[in-house]
Amino acid sequence: MLANSKSTTTRFAVKGMNCLSCVGRIEKAVAALPGVSSVKADLPAAQVSIEHDPTIVSAAQLRETINSAGYSAMNLPL
């Protein structure tokens, strides 16, 4: 279990997220990815925080998933 217990948090600024339906759409799309343990979209801040195992899903894959859902995601520093 130790080998798979690596977890990191990646944050994105998200353009186009302007309602609770957008929040739900993003959270559902990202949560469906393997290696994602939690996702929290913050509508007022226009940000998404994702806890994930980087050996299973990369930040680039997370960003692409958000972009594919119809939004524009940009990495934020921790």
Protein backbone atom coordinates (compact mmCIF):
# COMPACT_ATOMS: atom_id res chain seq x y z
CA MET A 1 0.00 0.00 0.00
CA LEU A 2 2.89 2.39 0.61
CA ALA A 3 3.89 2.36 -3.04
CA ASN A 4 0.42 3.52 -4.08
CA SER A 5 -0.17 6.01 -1.26
CA LYS A 6 1.43 8.92 -3.09
CA SER A 7 -1.02 11.76 -3.34
CA THR A 8 -0.68 15.33 -4.47
CA THR A 9 -3.00 18.27 -4.81
CA THR A 10 -3.20 20.10 -8.12
CA ARG A 11 -5.06 23.38 -8.46
CA PHE A 12 -6.44 25.02 -11.57
CA ALA A 13 -7.95 28.39 -12.35
CA VAL A 14 -11.00 27.71 -14.50
CA LYS A 15 -12.52 30.13 -16.98
CA GLY A 16 -16.12 29.57 -18.01
CA MET A 17 -17.26 28.08 -14.69
CA ASN A 18 -20.10 30.44 -13.81
CA CYS A 19 -22.89 28.41 -12.19
CA LEU A 20 -23.53 25.42 -9.95
CA SER A 21 -24.20 23.23 -12.98
CA CYS A 22 -20.69 24.04 -14.20
CA VAL A 23 -19.28 23.05 -10.80
CA GLY A 24 -21.12 19.73 -10.94
CA ARG A 25 -20.07 19.03 -14.51
CA ILE A 26 -16.38 19.63 -13.71
CA GLU A 27 -16.43 17.68 -10.45
CA LYS A 28 -18.19 14.71 -12.09
CA ALA A 29 -15.81 14.61 -15.08
CA VAL A 30 -12.67 14.81 -12.96
CA ALA A 31 -13.91 12.42 -10.25
CA ALA A 32 -14.45 9.75 -12.92
CA LEU A 33 -10.71 9.61 -13.67
CA PRO A 34 -8.70 6.77 -12.12
CA GLY A 35 -6.32 8.00 -9.42
CA VAL A 36 -8.50 10.94 -8.34
CA SER A 37 -9.39 10.77 -4.64
CA SER A 38 -11.19 14.10 -4.32
CA VAL A 39 -12.18 17.13 -6.37
CA LYS A 40 -13.58 20.43 -5.12
CA ALA A 41 -14.64 23.19 -7.48
CA ASP A 42 -14.88 26.65 -5.89
CA LEU A 43 -17.30 28.76 -7.92
CA PRO A 44 -16.59 32.21 -6.36
CA ALA A 45 -12.81 31.72 -6.72
CA ALA A 46 -13.15 30.08 -10.16
CA GLN A 47 -10.74 27.37 -9.05
CA VAL A 48 -10.64 23.59 -8.80
CA SER A 49 -8.53 21.61 -6.31
CA ILE A 50 -7.91 17.96 -7.09
CA GLU A 51 -6.25 15.39 -4.86
CA HIS A 52 -4.82 12.60 -7.00
CA ASP A 53 -2.12 10.00 -7.40
CA PRO A 54 0.31 11.48 -9.96
CA THR A 55 1.56 8.01 -10.89
CA ILE A 56 -1.95 7.19 -12.18
CA VAL A 57 -3.24 10.52 -13.53
CA SER A 58 -1.10 13.52 -14.42
CA ALA A 59 -1.88 17.21 -14.02
CA ALA A 60 -1.96 17.44 -17.81
CA GLN A 61 -4.65 14.74 -17.96
CA LEU A 62 -6.67 16.55 -15.30
CA ARG A 63 -6.40 19.84 -17.21
CA GLU A 64 -7.40 18.15 -20.47
CA THR A 65 -10.45 16.61 -18.79
CA ILE A 66 -11.60 20.03 -17.57
CA ASN A 67 -10.93 21.52 -21.02
CA SER A 68 -12.84 18.68 -22.70
CA ALA A 69 -15.81 19.43 -20.45
CA GLY A 70 -15.97 22.86 -22.08
CA TYR A 71 -13.89 25.01 -19.75
CA SER A 72 -10.42 26.55 -19.82
CA ALA A 73 -8.11 25.33 -17.04
CA MET A 74 -4.72 26.81 -16.12
CA ASN A 75 -2.40 25.36 -13.48
CA LEU A 76 -2.02 27.31 -10.24
CA PRO A 77 0.91 27.06 -7.83
CA LEU A 78 0.24 25.34 -4.52
